[in-house]
Amino acid sequence: MNEYRRNEDKDRELILRHGIGFQQVVEAVNDGMLIADLEQPLRQRYPNQRLMIVAIAGYAVDVPYVEDGDIRFLKTLVPNRKHTARYLRK
């Protein structure tokens, strides 16, 4: 099982901006709501990152992270309407 870490200041900022925090992401992943775990599409810009797509409250949320052994450091989260349409509205 992976351990998830995050920047607490970033977490507070995301909760204010999107109404979703890293704790909700971790809970969703643990509850089986991980839709996909992909290579970062912008590999040239973010070579060490991967991208989780997680379903939260019926919406797809992109969560870039850096993996170091069993530790995943969550970088940010972005609700993504295109991924919602692609993965959740079939």
N, C-alpha and C. Protein backbone atom coordinates (compact mmCIF):
# COMPACT_ATOMS: atom_id res chain seq x y z
N MET A 1 0.84 -1.18 0.00
CA MET A 1 0.00 0.00 0.00
C MET A 1 0.90 1.25 0.00
N ASN A 2 0.50 2.22 -0.76
CA ASN A 2 1.28 3.44 -0.88
C ASN A 2 0.98 4.41 0.25
N GLU A 3 2.00 5.19 0.59
CA GLU A 3 1.85 6.29 1.53
C GLU A 3 1.73 7.56 0.71
N TYR A 4 0.79 8.43 1.07
CA TYR A 4 0.58 9.67 0.34
C TYR A 4 1.05 10.85 1.18
N ARG A 5 1.80 11.74 0.56
CA ARG A 5 2.25 12.96 1.22
C ARG A 5 1.84 14.15 0.38
N ARG A 6 1.80 15.31 1.03
CA ARG A 6 1.36 16.52 0.34
C ARG A 6 1.87 17.74 1.08
N ASN A 7 1.81 18.86 0.41
CA ASN A 7 2.14 20.15 1.01
C ASN A 7 0.85 20.69 1.64
N GLU A 8 0.88 20.93 2.93
CA GLU A 8 -0.33 21.36 3.64
C GLU A 8 -0.83 22.73 3.18
N ASP A 9 0.10 23.64 2.86
CA ASP A 9 -0.31 24.96 2.36
C ASP A 9 -1.04 24.83 1.03
N LYS A 10 -0.51 23.98 0.15
CA LYS A 10 -1.14 23.74 -1.15
C LYS A 10 -2.52 23.10 -0.95
N ASP A 11 -2.62 22.20 0.03
CA ASP A 11 -3.90 21.55 0.31
C ASP A 11 -4.96 22.58 0.69
N ARG A 12 -4.61 23.51 1.57
CA ARG A 12 -5.57 24.56 1.97
C ARG A 12 -5.97 25.42 0.77
N GLU A 13 -5.00 25.75 -0.07
CA GLU A 13 -5.27 26.55 -1.27
C GLU A 13 -6.24 25.82 -2.20
N LEU A 14 -6.04 24.51 -2.39
CA LEU A 14 -6.90 23.73 -3.28
C LEU A 14 -8.32 23.61 -2.72
N ILE A 15 -8.43 23.47 -1.41
CA ILE A 15 -9.76 23.40 -0.80
C ILE A 15 -10.51 24.71 -1.03
N LEU A 16 -9.82 25.84 -0.89
CA LEU A 16 -10.46 27.13 -1.14
C LEU A 16 -10.83 27.29 -2.61
N ARG A 17 -9.96 26.88 -3.51
CA ARG A 17 -10.18 27.07 -4.94
C ARG A 17 -11.19 26.09 -5.52
N HIS A 18 -11.06 24.80 -5.18
CA HIS A 18 -11.88 23.77 -5.83
C HIS A 18 -12.89 23.10 -4.90
N GLY A 19 -12.75 23.32 -3.61
CA GLY A 19 -13.62 22.63 -2.67
C GLY A 19 -13.24 21.18 -2.45
N ILE A 20 -12.07 20.80 -2.92
CA ILE A 20 -11.56 19.43 -2.81
C ILE A 20 -10.13 19.51 -2.31
N GLY A 21 -9.79 18.62 -1.39
CA GLY A 21 -8.42 18.59 -0.88
C GLY A 21 -7.78 17.24 -1.12
N PHE A 22 -6.51 17.16 -0.77
CA PHE A 22 -5.76 15.92 -0.97
C PHE A 22 -6.33 14.76 -0.15
N GLN A 23 -6.88 15.04 1.02
CA GLN A 23 -7.44 13.96 1.84
C GLN A 23 -8.59 13.27 1.11
N GLN A 24 -9.42 14.04 0.41
CA GLN A 24 -10.51 13.45 -0.37
C GLN A 24 -9.96 12.57 -1.49
N VAL A 25 -8.84 12.98 -2.10
CA VAL A 25 -8.22 12.17 -3.15
C VAL A 25 -7.76 10.84 -2.57
N VAL A 26 -7.06 10.88 -1.45
CA VAL A 26 -6.55 9.65 -0.83
C VAL A 26 -7.72 8.74 -0.44
N GLU A 27 -8.76 9.29 0.14
CA GLU A 27 -9.93 8.49 0.52
C GLU A 27 -10.59 7.87 -0.71
N ALA A 28 -10.70 8.63 -1.79
CA ALA A 28 -11.30 8.11 -3.02
C ALA A 28 -10.46 6.97 -3.59
N VAL A 29 -9.15 7.13 -3.61
CA VAL A 29 -8.27 6.06 -4.10
C VAL A 29 -8.43 4.81 -3.24
N ASN A 30 -8.43 4.99 -1.93
CA ASN A 30 -8.59 3.85 -1.01
C ASN A 30 -9.95 3.19 -1.14
N ASP A 31 -10.96 3.94 -1.59
CA ASP A 31 -12.31 3.40 -1.79
C ASP A 31 -12.51 2.81 -3.18
N GLY A 32 -11.44 2.72 -3.97
CA GLY A 32 -11.53 2.11 -5.29
C GLY A 32 -11.98 3.04 -6.39
N MET A 33 -11.87 4.35 -6.21
CA MET A 33 -12.35 5.31 -7.20
C MET A 33 -11.23 5.80 -8.13
N LEU A 34 -10.09 5.12 -8.14
CA LEU A 34 -9.02 5.44 -9.07
C LEU A 34 -9.45 4.98 -10.46
N ILE A 35 -9.55 5.91 -11.40
CA ILE A 35 -9.98 5.60 -12.76
C ILE A 35 -8.79 5.15 -13.60
N ALA A 36 -7.68 5.88 -13.48
CA ALA A 36 -6.50 5.58 -14.30
C ALA A 36 -5.25 6.11 -13.59
N ASP A 37 -4.13 5.47 -13.90
CA ASP A 37 -2.82 5.91 -13.42
C ASP A 37 -1.93 5.91 -14.66
N LEU A 38 -1.63 7.11 -15.15
CA LEU A 38 -0.99 7.27 -16.45
C LEU A 38 0.36 7.95 -16.35
N GLU A 39 1.13 7.83 -17.42
CA GLU A 39 2.32 8.66 -17.53
C GLU A 39 1.86 10.10 -17.69
N GLN A 40 2.63 11.02 -17.15
CA GLN A 40 2.32 12.45 -17.29
C GLN A 40 2.32 12.81 -18.77
N PRO A 41 1.22 13.35 -19.31
CA PRO A 41 1.18 13.71 -20.73
C PRO A 41 2.25 14.75 -21.12
N LEU A 42 2.64 15.59 -20.19
CA LEU A 42 3.66 16.61 -20.46
C LEU A 42 5.01 16.13 -19.91
N ARG A 43 5.46 14.95 -20.39
CA ARG A 43 6.68 14.32 -19.88
C ARG A 43 7.91 15.19 -20.02
N GLN A 44 7.99 15.98 -21.09
CA GLN A 44 9.17 16.83 -21.29
C GLN A 44 9.25 17.88 -20.18
N ARG A 45 8.12 18.41 -19.80
CA ARG A 45 8.07 19.46 -18.79
C ARG A 45 8.14 18.92 -17.36
N TYR A 46 7.53 17.75 -17.15
CA TYR A 46 7.45 17.12 -15.83
C TYR A 46 7.92 15.67 -15.93
N PRO A 47 9.21 15.44 -16.11
CA PRO A 47 9.71 14.10 -16.43
C PRO A 47 9.54 13.07 -15.31
N ASN A 48 9.44 13.47 -14.07
CA ASN A 48 9.35 12.52 -12.96
C ASN A 48 7.94 12.30 -12.44
N GLN A 49 6.96 12.91 -13.11
CA GLN A 49 5.59 12.83 -12.60
C GLN A 49 4.77 11.77 -13.33
N ARG A 50 3.77 11.27 -12.60
CA ARG A 50 2.71 10.45 -13.17
C ARG A 50 1.40 11.17 -12.90
N LEU A 51 0.30 10.65 -13.44
CA LEU A 51 -0.99 11.30 -13.31
C LEU A 51 -2.05 10.27 -12.91
N MET A 52 -2.66 10.51 -11.76
CA MET A 52 -3.81 9.70 -11.35
C MET A 52 -5.07 10.46 -11.78
N ILE A 53 -6.05 9.72 -12.25
CA ILE A 53 -7.36 10.29 -12.50
C ILE A 53 -8.30 9.59 -11.52
N VAL A 54 -8.94 10.40 -10.66
CA VAL A 54 -9.73 9.88 -9.56
C VAL A 54 -11.16 10.43 -9.68
N ALA A 55 -12.14 9.57 -9.45
CA ALA A 55 -13.54 9.99 -9.45
C ALA A 55 -13.90 10.50 -8.05
N ILE A 56 -14.32 11.75 -7.98
CA ILE A 56 -14.75 12.35 -6.71
C ILE A 56 -16.07 13.06 -6.96
N ALA A 57 -17.11 12.63 -6.28
CA ALA A 57 -18.45 13.22 -6.39
C ALA A 57 -18.91 13.29 -7.84
N GLY A 58 -18.67 12.22 -8.60
CA GLY A 58 -19.13 12.15 -9.98
C GLY A 58 -18.32 12.95 -10.97
N TYR A 59 -17.15 13.41 -10.57
CA TYR A 59 -16.31 14.24 -11.45
C TYR A 59 -14.91 13.66 -11.48
N ALA A 60 -14.26 13.70 -12.64
CA ALA A 60 -12.88 13.23 -12.77
C ALA A 60 -11.92 14.33 -12.34
N VAL A 61 -10.98 13.96 -11.47
CA VAL A 61 -10.00 14.91 -10.96
C VAL A 61 -8.61 14.39 -11.31
N ASP A 62 -7.82 15.21 -11.99
CA ASP A 62 -6.44 14.87 -12.33
C ASP A 62 -5.55 15.19 -11.14
N VAL A 63 -4.70 14.24 -10.76
CA VAL A 63 -3.81 14.43 -9.62
C VAL A 63 -2.39 14.03 -10.01
N PRO A 64 -1.56 15.00 -10.41
CA PRO A 64 -0.16 14.68 -10.70
C PRO A 64 0.58 14.35 -9.40
N TYR A 65 1.51 13.40 -9.51
CA TYR A 65 2.28 13.02 -8.32
C TYR A 65 3.67 12.55 -8.72
N VAL A 66 4.56 12.55 -7.73
CA VAL A 66 5.91 12.02 -7.89
C VAL A 66 6.01 10.81 -6.98
N GLU A 67 6.53 9.71 -7.51
CA GLU A 67 6.63 8.48 -6.74
C GLU A 67 8.09 8.22 -6.37
N ASP A 68 8.28 7.90 -5.09
CA ASP A 68 9.61 7.54 -4.59
C ASP A 68 9.44 6.31 -3.72
N GLY A 69 9.65 5.15 -4.30
CA GLY A 69 9.41 3.90 -3.58
C GLY A 69 7.92 3.75 -3.32
N ASP A 70 7.55 3.59 -2.05
CA ASP A 70 6.14 3.45 -1.68
C ASP A 70 5.49 4.78 -1.33
N ILE A 71 6.21 5.88 -1.52
CA ILE A 71 5.69 7.20 -1.18
C ILE A 71 5.26 7.93 -2.45
N ARG A 72 4.04 8.43 -2.44
CA ARG A 72 3.54 9.26 -3.53
C ARG A 72 3.32 10.66 -3.00
N PHE A 73 4.06 11.63 -3.57
CA PHE A 73 3.90 13.03 -3.17
C PHE A 73 2.93 13.68 -4.14
N LEU A 74 1.77 14.06 -3.65
CA LEU A 74 0.73 14.66 -4.48
C LEU A 74 1.08 16.13 -4.72
N LYS A 75 1.11 16.52 -6.00
CA LYS A 75 1.55 17.86 -6.37
C LYS A 75 0.41 18.87 -6.37
N THR A 76 -0.70 18.52 -7.00
CA THR A 76 -1.86 19.41 -7.08
C THR A 76 -3.05 18.57 -7.51
N LEU A 77 -4.19 19.18 -7.69
CA LEU A 77 -5.34 18.49 -8.27
C LEU A 77 -6.11 19.46 -9.14
N VAL A 78 -6.66 18.91 -10.21
CA VAL A 78 -7.38 19.74 -11.18
C VAL A 78 -8.63 18.99 -11.64
N PRO A 79 -9.83 19.46 -11.30
CA PRO A 79 -11.03 18.86 -11.88
C PRO A 79 -10.97 19.00 -13.40
N ASN A 80 -11.30 17.91 -14.12
CA ASN A 80 -11.10 17.90 -15.57
C ASN A 80 -12.39 17.47 -16.26
N ARG A 81 -13.04 18.41 -16.92
CA ARG A 81 -14.32 18.10 -17.58
C ARG A 81 -14.15 17.14 -18.74
N LYS A 82 -13.03 17.21 -19.46
CA LYS A 82 -12.80 16.29 -20.58
C LYS A 82 -12.64 14.86 -20.08
N HIS A 83 -11.92 14.68 -18.98
CA HIS A 83 -11.78 13.33 -18.42
C HIS A 83 -13.09 12.86 -17.81
N THR A 84 -13.89 13.77 -17.28
CA THR A 84 -15.21 13.40 -16.77
C THR A 84 -16.06 12.85 -17.91
N ALA A 85 -16.07 13.54 -19.04
CA ALA A 85 -16.84 13.08 -20.19
C ALA A 85 -16.30 11.76 -20.73
N ARG A 86 -15.00 11.62 -20.76
CA ARG A 86 -14.37 10.42 -21.32
C ARG A 86 -14.55 9.19 -20.44
N TYR A 87 -14.35 9.33 -19.13
CA TYR A 87 -14.33 8.18 -18.25
C TYR A 87 -15.61 7.94 -17.46
N LEU A 88 -16.40 8.97 -17.20
CA LEU A 88 -17.55 8.81 -16.31
C LEU A 88 -18.91 8.96 -16.97
N ARG A 89 -18.97 9.54 -18.14
CA ARG A 89 -20.26 9.79 -18.79
C ARG A 89 -20.38 8.97 -20.07
N LYS A 90 -20.48 7.67 -19.92
CA LYS A 90 -20.51 6.79 -21.10
C LYS A 90 -21.90 6.43 -21.51
